[in-house]
Protein backbone atom coordinates (compact mmCIF):
# COMPACT_ATOMS: atom_id res chain seq x y z
CA UNK A 1 -34.93 116.20 40.49
CA UNK A 2 -34.07 117.91 43.75
CA UNK A 3 -36.65 120.67 43.18
CA UNK A 4 -39.43 118.10 42.87
CA UNK A 5 -38.24 116.33 46.02
CA UNK A 6 -38.32 119.59 47.98
CA UNK A 7 -41.79 120.35 46.61
CA UNK A 8 -42.97 116.96 47.85
CA UNK A 9 -41.49 117.69 51.27
CA UNK A 10 -43.43 120.96 51.44
CA UNK A 11 -46.65 119.25 50.38
CA UNK A 12 -46.18 116.59 53.03
CA UNK A 13 -45.51 119.26 55.66
CA UNK A 14 -48.66 121.16 54.68
CA UNK A 15 -50.68 117.93 54.91
CA UNK A 16 -49.30 117.23 58.38
CA UNK A 17 -49.87 120.81 59.55
CA UNK A 18 -53.44 120.68 58.26
CA UNK A 19 -53.92 117.85 60.74
CA UNK A 20 -52.72 119.78 63.75
CA UNK A 21 -48.95 119.24 63.75
CA UNK A 22 -48.09 122.89 64.22
CA UNK A 23 -44.45 122.62 65.26
CA UNK A 24 -43.16 120.30 62.53
CA UNK A 25 -40.74 121.91 60.04
CA UNK A 26 -39.11 120.90 56.77
CA UNK A 27 -35.99 119.90 58.71
CA UNK A 28 -38.06 117.24 60.51
CA UNK A 29 -38.78 115.48 57.22
CA UNK A 30 -36.11 113.27 55.71
CA UNK A 31 -35.78 111.66 52.30
CA UNK A 32 -34.27 108.18 52.12
CA UNK A 33 -32.85 107.07 48.77
CA UNK A 34 -32.40 103.40 47.90
CA UNK A 35 -30.21 102.75 44.85
CA UNK A 36 -29.94 98.96 45.25
CA UNK A 37 -32.81 98.21 42.90
CA UNK A 38 -30.58 98.43 39.83
CA UNK A 39 -31.56 99.56 36.37
CA UNK A 40 -30.44 103.11 37.16
CA UNK A 41 -33.50 103.60 39.37
CA UNK A 42 -33.78 105.19 42.81
CA UNK A 43 -36.53 104.43 45.30
CA UNK A 44 -37.36 107.46 47.46
CA UNK A 45 -39.15 107.40 50.78
CA UNK A 46 -40.28 110.51 52.65
CA UNK A 47 -40.81 110.32 56.38
CA UNK A 48 -40.14 111.92 59.72
CA UNK A 49 -36.67 111.86 61.20
CA UNK A 50 -36.35 109.41 64.11
CA UNK A 51 -35.07 112.14 66.44
CA UNK A 52 -38.09 114.47 66.09
CA UNK A 53 -38.91 116.03 69.45
CA UNK A 54 -41.83 114.43 71.21
CA UNK A 55 -43.98 117.58 71.52
CA UNK A 56 -43.92 118.01 67.73
CA UNK A 57 -45.71 114.67 67.32
CA UNK A 58 -48.75 115.80 69.30
CA UNK A 59 -51.58 117.60 67.46
CA UNK A 60 -52.00 121.17 68.68
CA UNK A 61 -55.32 122.90 69.29
CA UNK A 62 -55.70 126.69 69.03
CA UNK A 63 -57.58 127.98 72.05
CA UNK A 64 -58.07 131.60 70.98
CA UNK A 65 -56.60 134.34 68.81
CA UNK A 66 -55.60 137.92 69.59
CA UNK A 67 -55.27 140.71 67.02
CA UNK A 68 -53.09 143.81 67.50
CA UNK A 69 -53.11 146.56 64.86
CA UNK A 70 -50.19 148.97 64.97
CA UNK A 71 -51.56 152.44 64.38
CA UNK A 72 -50.37 155.97 65.03
CA UNK A 73 -53.58 156.81 66.89
CA UNK A 74 -54.69 155.84 70.38
CA UNK A 75 -55.94 152.28 70.63
CA UNK A 76 -58.53 150.42 72.65
CA UNK A 77 -58.65 146.75 73.64
CA UNK A 78 -61.92 144.95 73.03
CA UNK A 79 -62.28 141.45 74.50
CA UNK A 80 -64.75 138.94 73.09
CA UNK A 81 -65.47 135.35 74.15
CA UNK A 82 -62.56 133.70 72.35
CA UNK A 83 -60.58 136.54 70.78
CA UNK A 84 -59.49 140.11 71.42
CA UNK A 85 -58.66 143.20 69.34
CA UNK A 86 -56.22 145.94 70.25
CA UNK A 87 -56.63 148.78 67.78
CA UNK A 88 -58.17 152.17 67.11
CA UNK A 89 -61.75 150.86 66.97
CA UNK A 90 -62.92 154.09 65.33
CA UNK A 91 -60.84 153.12 62.29
CA UNK A 92 -61.01 149.32 62.40
CA UNK A 93 -64.33 147.54 62.68
CA UNK A 94 -63.94 144.50 64.99
CA UNK A 95 -66.55 142.49 63.08
CA UNK A 96 -64.72 143.07 59.80
CA UNK A 97 -61.49 141.78 61.32
CA UNK A 98 -63.28 138.77 62.82
CA UNK A 99 -64.79 137.83 59.44
CA UNK A 100 -61.34 137.87 57.84
CA UNK A 101 -59.76 135.57 60.43
CA UNK A 102 -60.30 131.94 59.45
CA UNK A 103 -58.74 130.55 62.64
CA UNK A 104 -61.35 128.61 64.58
CA UNK A 105 -60.81 128.85 68.36
CA UNK A 106 -60.81 125.65 70.40
CA UNK A 107 -60.13 123.53 67.33
CA UNK A 108 -57.18 121.71 65.81
CA UNK A 109 -54.52 123.86 64.16
CA UNK A 110 -54.73 123.90 60.38
CA UNK A 111 -52.18 125.42 58.02
CA UNK A 112 -54.90 126.27 55.50
CA UNK A 113 -56.70 128.45 58.06
CA UNK A 114 -53.52 130.44 58.65
CA UNK A 115 -52.99 130.94 54.91
CA UNK A 116 -56.64 131.94 54.34
CA UNK A 117 -56.43 134.45 57.18
CA UNK A 118 -53.40 136.18 55.64
CA UNK A 119 -55.07 136.20 52.21
CA UNK A 120 -58.32 137.67 53.56
CA UNK A 121 -56.58 140.44 55.51
CA UNK A 122 -54.27 141.27 52.59
CA UNK A 123 -57.24 141.63 50.24
CA UNK A 124 -58.56 144.54 52.32
CA UNK A 125 -55.67 146.68 51.07
CA UNK A 126 -55.30 148.56 54.39
CA UNK A 127 -52.36 146.69 55.96
CA UNK A 128 -48.72 146.82 54.90
CA UNK A 129 -47.63 143.78 56.91
CA UNK A 130 -49.40 140.79 58.46
CA UNK A 131 -47.74 138.34 60.84
CA UNK A 132 -49.38 135.30 62.42
CA UNK A 133 -47.54 133.60 65.29
CA UNK A 134 -48.53 130.75 67.57
CA UNK A 135 -47.54 130.81 71.22
CA UNK A 136 -47.64 127.47 73.08
CA UNK A 137 -49.38 127.23 76.43
CA UNK A 138 -46.80 127.19 79.22
CA UNK A 139 -48.57 124.34 81.01
CA UNK A 140 -49.69 122.26 78.02
CA UNK A 141 -47.69 122.18 74.76
CA UNK A 142 -50.67 120.66 72.91
CA UNK A 143 -52.48 124.00 73.24
CA UNK A 144 -51.56 127.33 71.69
CA UNK A 145 -52.74 130.89 71.15
CA UNK A 146 -52.62 132.60 67.77
CA UNK A 147 -51.32 136.17 67.77
CA UNK A 148 -51.91 138.37 64.73
CA UNK A 149 -49.81 141.52 64.41
CA UNK A 150 -50.90 143.92 61.68
CA UNK A 151 -49.32 147.17 60.59
CA UNK A 152 -51.55 149.82 59.11
CA UNK A 153 -50.71 151.00 55.59
CA UNK A 154 -50.43 154.69 54.76
CA UNK A 155 -53.90 156.20 54.66
CA UNK A 156 -53.15 158.14 51.47
CA UNK A 157 -51.47 156.90 48.31
CA UNK A 158 -50.59 159.27 45.46
CA UNK A 159 -49.83 158.05 41.96
CA UNK A 160 -49.29 159.58 38.52
CA UNK A 161 -49.53 158.23 35.02
CA UNK A 162 -48.83 159.68 31.61
CA UNK A 163 -49.53 158.66 28.04
CA UNK A 164 -49.21 160.03 24.53
CA UNK A 165 -52.29 159.68 22.34
CA UNK A 166 -52.97 160.07 18.65
CA UNK A 167 -56.59 160.72 17.70
CA UNK A 168 -58.47 160.04 14.48
CA UNK A 169 -59.09 163.78 14.01
CA UNK A 170 -55.36 164.36 13.38
CA UNK A 171 -54.61 165.64 16.89
CA UNK A 172 -51.63 164.37 18.85
CA UNK A 173 -50.45 165.10 22.39
CA UNK A 174 -49.65 164.00 25.93
CA UNK A 175 -52.02 163.35 28.81
CA UNK A 176 -51.25 163.27 32.53
CA UNK A 177 -53.37 161.77 35.30
CA UNK A 178 -53.07 162.10 39.06
CA UNK A 179 -54.69 159.59 41.42
CA UNK A 180 -55.12 159.99 45.18
CA UNK A 181 -56.30 156.88 47.01
CA UNK A 182 -57.72 157.21 50.52
CA UNK A 183 -57.78 153.90 52.40
CA UNK A 184 -60.12 152.65 55.10
CA UNK A 185 -62.28 155.75 54.87
CA UNK A 186 -65.05 154.71 57.28
CA UNK A 187 -63.29 151.99 59.25
CA UNK A 188 -64.65 149.14 57.16
CA UNK A 189 -61.87 148.88 54.53
CA UNK A 190 -63.68 151.32 52.22
CA UNK A 191 -61.10 152.69 49.77
CA UNK A 192 -61.87 155.63 47.51
CA UNK A 193 -59.80 157.05 44.67
CA UNK A 194 -59.86 160.67 43.52
CA UNK A 195 -58.51 161.48 40.07
CA UNK A 196 -57.79 164.35 37.74
CA UNK A 197 -56.66 164.21 34.12
CA UNK A 198 -55.06 166.85 31.90
CA UNK A 199 -54.72 166.69 28.11
CA UNK A 200 -52.76 168.77 25.61
CA UNK A 201 -53.47 168.19 21.90
CA UNK A 202 -51.64 169.48 18.82
CA UNK A 203 -52.87 169.26 15.23
CA UNK A 204 -50.68 167.18 12.95
CA UNK A 205 -50.65 166.56 9.25
CA UNK A 206 -52.13 168.72 6.52
């Protein structure tokens, strides 16, 4: 089953990347099939291609991470010991961003940390896109810097919903609700929703 084989390739790649092999890709993994065993069986072996570039076979350590939040307002750059934030710091709390980033500076690259970082930032509900890139050190390919580029979501989100209800007191009619969601109200991912509902009932039956 080709789908199962590809799934196994992805699992192997994730295992390798969780051990620091940042630059390996699915194309670097090959599947060898041996059909000489007979009995309509195939022996499969997954491994790295023999022509994989040398720098991909060296574990990579992430030295630091930088976060840039695209916003329509003026931004400031705040530099900490091993990371930096470029954003409107009145609207984005640096400590909140730091808690969401699972990347550990000066440690081996791990795929799981990248995935957890994206999940944590997405759960805030205040960003419409999140990109995490790794830039190799010009002098030492075994070192890299993580760059997070975030785009702010619209501060206000308007939605409407409508239903038709039938009540036990023989009244029937439509209802309409409007919801206005304000995101990141105090700079700490606080989201608040305002709502208003309207009902119109008609008597039915005898």
